[in-house]
């Protein structure tokens, strides 16, 4: 009888222990699920907020790199392209200003990098206006500089040669590129890439693919339309 009672007690203790373990596990799960959900929601929200700036950031970076490449290939002063550069520079500045307005949603360091980019774009645009005015004087016609009542202020020396000023514009744009790259690196990788590539890479690829598909579909539609006549 004593043995049977002892065994029954032991079994009861074991069952109680198992019950306690299971109850504890369920409590941990019940507590952990909301925490996990909050963490997941935080990550999702962070990615969503970052995605708001990635398209314009990638587009501006692509445009800036194109301008740097253009200026590097111009061994002589691109006076004839000055007005075109100003037009592009204004667009770049507008995109950067829009990014600056949304930068605070990321981080203070991200915002700082965008402000730096805007600064160098303003510097570059100021030198571009001087190049446009120089071109106008050479060609004897009005330039954008003459038509704009409020050209951007510039800090470069007024005694710079044309070649030196072109080099200054190129340096300013390169500084913009470096600032944008630094800003992009501050964003979560999962928020700034699509299947391992950048937003702009996918955009460029899909634009080309979509154009080809559209042309192919139109060929088929035209053929069907001819048959229907």
Protein backbone atom coordinates (compact mmCIF):
# COMPACT_ATOMS: atom_id res chain seq x y z
CA UNK A 1 0.00 0.00 0.00
CA UNK A 2 2.82 2.39 0.84
CA UNK A 3 4.52 1.64 -2.47
CA UNK A 4 1.37 2.18 -4.45
CA UNK A 5 0.67 5.42 -2.63
CA UNK A 6 4.21 6.63 -3.22
CA UNK A 7 3.99 5.82 -6.91
CA UNK A 8 0.68 7.62 -7.19
CA UNK A 9 2.14 10.66 -5.49
CA UNK A 10 5.16 10.60 -7.77
CA UNK A 11 2.93 10.35 -10.85
CA UNK A 12 0.83 13.23 -9.60
CA UNK A 13 3.95 15.33 -9.08
CA UNK A 14 5.20 14.48 -12.56
CA UNK A 15 1.84 15.36 -14.09
CA UNK A 16 1.71 18.57 -12.10
CA UNK A 17 5.23 19.44 -13.24
CA UNK A 18 4.34 18.77 -16.87
CA UNK A 19 1.22 20.85 -16.45
CA UNK A 20 3.23 23.70 -14.99
CA UNK A 21 5.77 23.51 -17.82
CA UNK A 22 3.01 23.57 -20.42
CA UNK A 23 1.24 26.43 -18.67
CA UNK A 24 4.50 28.37 -18.48
CA UNK A 25 5.20 27.70 -22.15
CA UNK A 26 1.75 28.90 -23.12
CA UNK A 27 2.21 32.00 -21.00
CA UNK A 28 5.55 32.72 -22.67
CA UNK A 29 3.96 32.27 -26.09
CA UNK A 30 1.01 34.45 -25.16
CA UNK A 31 3.39 37.13 -23.94
CA UNK A 32 5.82 36.74 -26.81
CA UNK A 33 3.32 36.90 -29.67
CA UNK A 34 2.36 40.57 -29.07
CA UNK A 35 6.05 41.45 -28.67
CA UNK A 36 6.90 39.66 -31.92
CA UNK A 37 4.01 41.38 -33.66
CA UNK A 38 5.18 44.78 -32.42
CA UNK A 39 8.72 44.07 -33.62
CA UNK A 40 7.44 42.90 -36.99
CA UNK A 41 5.18 45.94 -37.28
CA UNK A 42 8.10 48.21 -36.38
CA UNK A 43 10.25 46.66 -39.11
CA UNK A 44 7.39 46.90 -41.60
CA UNK A 45 6.73 50.53 -40.70
CA UNK A 46 10.43 51.38 -40.99
CA UNK A 47 10.61 49.77 -44.43
CA UNK A 48 7.44 51.56 -45.50
CA UNK A 49 8.75 54.94 -44.38
CA UNK A 50 12.10 54.33 -46.09
CA UNK A 51 10.32 53.32 -49.29
CA UNK A 52 8.80 56.79 -49.44
CA UNK A 53 12.20 58.35 -50.20
CA UNK A 54 13.95 55.57 -52.12
CA UNK A 55 12.41 56.23 -55.58
CA UNK A 56 13.32 59.94 -55.65
CA UNK A 57 16.69 59.26 -54.02
CA UNK A 58 17.57 56.68 -56.68
CA UNK A 59 16.30 58.89 -59.50
CA UNK A 60 18.30 61.89 -58.29
CA UNK A 61 21.42 59.77 -57.85
CA UNK A 62 21.09 58.51 -61.42
CA UNK A 63 20.64 62.05 -62.76
CA UNK A 64 23.60 63.37 -60.77
CA UNK A 65 25.87 60.58 -61.98
CA UNK A 66 24.82 61.37 -65.55
CA UNK A 67 25.80 65.02 -65.09
CA UNK A 68 29.17 64.04 -63.59
CA UNK A 69 29.85 61.76 -66.56
CA UNK A 70 28.85 64.54 -68.97
CA UNK A 71 31.12 67.10 -67.34
CA UNK A 72 34.05 64.68 -67.22
CA UNK A 73 33.85 64.13 -70.97
CA UNK A 74 33.90 67.87 -71.65
CA UNK A 75 37.59 68.69 -71.78
CA UNK A 76 36.73 72.11 -73.20
CA UNK A 77 34.17 74.39 -71.58
CA UNK A 78 30.62 73.18 -72.38
CA UNK A 79 29.29 76.70 -72.84
CA UNK A 80 26.80 75.56 -75.44
CA UNK A 81 25.32 73.15 -72.90
CA UNK A 82 25.16 75.67 -70.04
CA UNK A 83 21.45 76.44 -70.39
CA UNK A 84 20.68 72.73 -70.64
CA UNK A 85 22.73 72.08 -67.50
CA UNK A 86 20.81 74.80 -65.67
CA UNK A 87 17.50 73.24 -66.66
CA UNK A 88 18.66 69.86 -65.38
CA UNK A 89 20.14 71.49 -62.28
CA UNK A 90 16.83 73.13 -61.43
CA UNK A 91 15.07 69.77 -61.68
CA UNK A 92 17.75 68.14 -59.51
CA UNK A 93 17.36 70.89 -56.94
CA UNK A 94 13.57 70.46 -56.87
CA UNK A 95 13.88 66.70 -56.31
CA UNK A 96 16.47 67.26 -53.58
CA UNK A 97 14.27 69.86 -51.88
CA UNK A 98 11.34 67.43 -51.87
CA UNK A 99 13.63 64.80 -50.33
CA UNK A 100 14.77 67.30 -47.72
CA UNK A 101 11.16 67.90 -46.67
CA UNK A 102 10.68 64.15 -46.11
CA UNK A 103 14.14 63.38 -44.72
CA UNK A 104 13.16 63.95 -41.09
CA UNK A 105 11.02 60.80 -41.20
CA UNK A 106 14.21 58.74 -41.58
CA UNK A 107 16.90 59.92 -39.18
CA UNK A 108 18.81 63.06 -38.30
CA UNK A 109 21.91 61.74 -40.06
CA UNK A 110 19.92 60.99 -43.22
CA UNK A 111 18.45 64.47 -43.10
CA UNK A 112 21.94 65.91 -42.67
CA UNK A 113 23.20 64.15 -45.80
CA UNK A 114 20.30 65.45 -47.87
CA UNK A 115 20.94 68.99 -46.63
CA UNK A 116 24.57 68.61 -47.70
CA UNK A 117 23.43 67.45 -51.15
CA UNK A 118 21.12 70.47 -51.48
CA UNK A 119 24.00 72.76 -50.51
CA UNK A 120 26.28 71.42 -53.23
CA UNK A 121 23.49 71.52 -55.82
CA UNK A 122 22.98 75.21 -55.02
CA UNK A 123 26.72 75.80 -55.42
CA UNK A 124 26.75 73.97 -58.76
CA UNK A 125 23.73 75.86 -60.05
CA UNK A 126 25.32 79.19 -59.16
CA UNK A 127 28.39 78.34 -61.25
CA UNK A 128 26.16 77.08 -64.06
CA UNK A 129 24.49 80.48 -64.25
CA UNK A 130 27.87 82.15 -64.63
CA UNK A 131 28.73 79.72 -67.44
CA UNK A 132 25.41 80.53 -69.13
CA UNK A 133 26.12 84.25 -68.86
CA UNK A 134 29.59 83.70 -70.31
CA UNK A 135 28.09 81.75 -73.20
CA UNK A 136 25.57 84.53 -73.80
CA UNK A 137 28.35 87.11 -73.92
CA UNK A 138 30.29 84.97 -76.39
CA UNK A 139 27.27 84.34 -78.61
CA UNK A 140 25.69 87.76 -78.12
CA UNK A 141 22.28 86.52 -77.02
CA UNK A 142 20.19 86.37 -73.87
CA UNK A 143 20.67 83.45 -71.52
CA UNK A 144 18.63 81.91 -68.73
CA UNK A 145 20.74 83.99 -66.34
CA UNK A 146 19.47 87.19 -67.91
CA UNK A 147 15.87 86.01 -67.87
CA UNK A 148 15.87 84.85 -64.26
CA UNK A 149 15.22 87.68 -61.80
CA UNK A 150 16.56 85.67 -58.86
CA UNK A 151 19.54 83.58 -59.94
CA UNK A 152 21.06 81.45 -57.15
CA UNK A 153 23.80 82.99 -55.08
CA UNK A 154 27.22 81.49 -55.68
CA UNK A 155 30.36 81.54 -53.57
CA UNK A 156 32.94 80.71 -56.21
CA UNK A 157 35.48 83.29 -57.21
CA UNK A 158 34.36 85.60 -59.98
CA UNK A 159 37.86 85.50 -61.46
CA UNK A 160 37.82 81.78 -62.24
CA UNK A 161 38.54 80.67 -65.78
CA UNK A 162 35.78 78.93 -67.66
CA UNK A 163 37.63 75.62 -67.43
CA UNK A 164 38.09 76.03 -63.67
CA UNK A 165 34.41 76.84 -63.23
CA UNK A 166 33.40 73.75 -65.19
CA UNK A 167 35.70 71.74 -62.92
CA UNK A 168 34.04 73.36 -59.90
CA UNK A 169 30.57 72.38 -61.14
CA UNK A 170 31.81 68.82 -61.65
CA UNK A 171 33.29 68.73 -58.13
CA UNK A 172 30.05 70.07 -56.64
CA UNK A 173 28.04 67.40 -58.45
CA UNK A 174 30.46 64.69 -57.35
CA UNK A 175 29.97 65.88 -53.75
CA UNK A 176 26.20 65.61 -54.29
CA UNK A 177 26.67 62.03 -55.50
CA UNK A 178 28.77 61.12 -52.45
CA UNK A 179 26.17 62.64 -50.11
CA UNK A 180 23.31 60.74 -51.74
CA UNK A 181 25.24 57.47 -51.58
CA UNK A 182 25.91 58.10 -47.89
CA UNK A 183 22.22 58.85 -47.31
CA UNK A 184 21.12 55.69 -49.11
CA UNK A 185 23.48 53.57 -47.01
CA UNK A 186 21.63 54.76 -43.88
CA UNK A 187 18.37 53.15 -45.04
CA UNK A 188 17.56 49.50 -44.22
CA UNK A 189 18.89 47.28 -47.00
CA UNK A 190 15.58 45.46 -47.22
CA UNK A 191 13.84 48.79 -47.85
CA UNK A 192 16.19 50.05 -50.57
CA UNK A 193 16.49 46.88 -52.64
CA UNK A 194 14.11 44.75 -54.70
CA UNK A 195 15.27 41.15 -55.02
CA UNK A 196 18.85 42.27 -54.45
CA UNK A 197 18.79 45.15 -56.93
CA UNK A 198 18.11 48.84 -56.48
CA UNK A 199 14.78 50.49 -57.17
CA UNK A 200 16.30 52.29 -60.15
CA UNK A 201 17.80 49.09 -61.60
CA UNK A 202 14.39 47.41 -61.56
CA UNK A 203 12.76 50.55 -62.92
CA UNK A 204 15.15 50.72 -65.88
CA UNK A 205 14.86 47.01 -66.59
CA UNK A 206 11.07 46.99 -66.37
CA UNK A 207 10.71 50.11 -68.54
CA UNK A 208 12.69 48.45 -71.34
CA UNK A 209 10.88 45.13 -70.94
CA UNK A 210 7.47 46.80 -70.81
CA UNK A 211 8.25 48.83 -73.96
CA UNK A 212 9.27 45.71 -75.88
CA UNK A 213 6.18 43.83 -74.68
CA UNK A 214 3.93 46.74 -75.66
CA UNK A 215 5.40 46.81 -79.18
CA UNK A 216 5.00 43.04 -79.53
CA UNK A 217 1.39 43.18 -78.34
CA UNK A 218 0.61 45.99 -80.76
CA UNK A 219 2.01 43.96 -83.67
CA UNK A 220 -0.36 41.13 -82.74
CA UNK A 221 -3.31 43.50 -82.29
CA UNK A 222 -2.69 45.15 -85.66
CA UNK A 223 -2.51 41.75 -87.34
CA UNK A 224 -5.81 40.74 -85.74
CA UNK A 225 -7.39 44.04 -86.75
CA UNK A 226 -6.35 43.49 -90.39
CA UNK A 227 -7.82 40.00 -90.37
CA UNK A 228 -11.08 41.32 -88.96
CA UNK A 229 -11.58 43.70 -91.90
